Amino acid sequence: MVNCGTLLKSALVAIVLVVVVAADEKLAKCCETVSKQEITEPITGYMIQKRNPPCVRAVIFQTATGLYCSYLGAPWVQAKIAAFR
């Protein structure tokens, strides 16, 4: 028989693990560096990322092969954003 104290401790540990994993996922999905190199494959979408350390200000372009972190001030980036608007 499992007592309530043991069950409560197990539930608390599980909740803490979920919160820690979720926080790690968020940090892994932001741009910490950017590239000025133009993306040559078709871009299917984009979003602007605000600076929130360790994340930097960036444009995140989505393509069929993945996400690319680009420098917002690059002329080609501004042209791609304008094309989507």
Protein backbone atom coordinates (compact mmCIF):
# COMPACT_ATOMS: atom_id res chain seq x y z
CA MET A 1 0.00 0.00 0.00
CA VAL A 2 1.31 3.48 -0.94
CA ASN A 3 0.81 6.22 1.62
CA CYS A 4 -0.39 9.70 0.67
CA GLY A 5 2.97 11.33 1.53
CA THR A 6 4.87 9.17 -0.95
CA LEU A 7 2.25 9.72 -3.65
CA LEU A 8 2.29 13.48 -3.09
CA LYS A 9 6.11 13.61 -3.28
CA SER A 10 6.07 11.63 -6.53
CA ALA A 11 3.50 13.98 -8.05
CA LEU A 12 5.51 17.03 -6.98
CA VAL A 13 8.71 15.63 -8.54
CA ALA A 14 6.84 14.96 -11.79
CA ILE A 15 5.48 18.52 -11.89
CA VAL A 16 8.93 20.01 -11.27
CA LEU A 17 10.42 17.89 -14.08
CA VAL A 18 7.74 19.06 -16.53
CA VAL A 19 8.37 22.72 -15.66
CA VAL A 20 12.15 22.31 -16.06
CA VAL A 21 11.78 20.55 -19.42
CA ALA A 22 9.34 23.21 -20.67
CA ALA A 23 11.76 25.99 -19.69
CA ASP A 24 14.61 24.24 -21.54
CA GLU A 25 12.44 23.87 -24.65
CA LYS A 26 11.69 27.58 -24.71
CA LEU A 27 15.38 28.49 -24.52
CA ALA A 28 16.24 25.97 -27.23
CA LYS A 29 13.73 27.53 -29.61
CA CYS A 30 15.05 31.07 -29.67
CA CYS A 31 17.83 32.64 -31.70
CA GLU A 32 20.96 33.32 -29.68
CA THR A 33 22.92 34.35 -32.78
CA VAL A 34 21.93 35.60 -36.25
CA SER A 35 23.26 35.24 -39.76
CA LYS A 36 23.50 37.90 -42.48
CA GLN A 37 23.70 35.23 -45.21
CA GLU A 38 20.71 35.22 -47.55
CA ILE A 39 18.46 32.17 -47.47
CA THR A 40 18.18 30.67 -50.95
CA GLU A 41 15.43 28.11 -50.40
CA PRO A 42 11.73 29.08 -50.45
CA ILE A 43 10.58 30.81 -47.26
CA THR A 44 7.13 29.77 -46.04
CA GLY A 45 6.80 32.14 -43.09
CA TYR A 46 8.56 34.36 -40.61
CA MET A 47 8.30 35.93 -37.18
CA ILE A 48 10.14 38.71 -35.40
CA GLN A 49 11.91 37.75 -32.19
CA LYS A 50 12.40 40.46 -29.57
CA ARG A 51 15.58 40.65 -27.52
CA ASN A 52 15.16 38.72 -24.27
CA PRO A 53 18.52 37.28 -23.15
CA PRO A 54 19.79 34.80 -24.06
CA CYS A 55 17.63 35.40 -27.14
CA VAL A 56 18.71 38.19 -29.51
CA ARG A 57 16.62 40.42 -31.79
CA ALA A 58 16.13 38.45 -34.98
CA VAL A 59 13.87 37.47 -37.82
CA ILE A 60 13.12 33.75 -37.75
CA PHE A 61 12.40 32.48 -41.25
CA GLN A 62 10.63 29.16 -41.73
CA THR A 63 11.47 26.90 -44.68
CA ALA A 64 10.69 23.31 -45.56
CA THR A 65 14.00 22.24 -44.00
CA GLY A 66 13.81 24.25 -40.78
CA LEU A 67 14.13 27.61 -39.06
CA TYR A 68 16.79 30.24 -39.76
CA CYS A 69 17.80 33.12 -37.51
CA SER A 70 18.53 36.21 -39.61
CA TYR A 71 19.76 39.74 -38.94
CA LEU A 72 16.81 42.15 -39.06
CA GLY A 73 18.90 44.96 -40.59
CA ALA A 74 20.01 43.02 -43.68
CA PRO A 75 18.47 44.50 -46.88
CA TRP A 76 17.44 41.09 -48.20
CA VAL A 77 15.62 40.37 -44.91
CA GLN A 78 13.60 43.59 -45.22
CA ALA A 79 12.69 42.67 -48.81
CA LYS A 80 11.46 39.20 -47.77
CA ILE A 81 9.35 40.68 -44.97
CA ALA A 82 7.87 43.23 -47.38
CA ALA A 83 7.00 40.43 -49.81
CA PHE A 84 4.98 38.66 -47.10
CA ARG A 85 3.02 41.81 -46.21
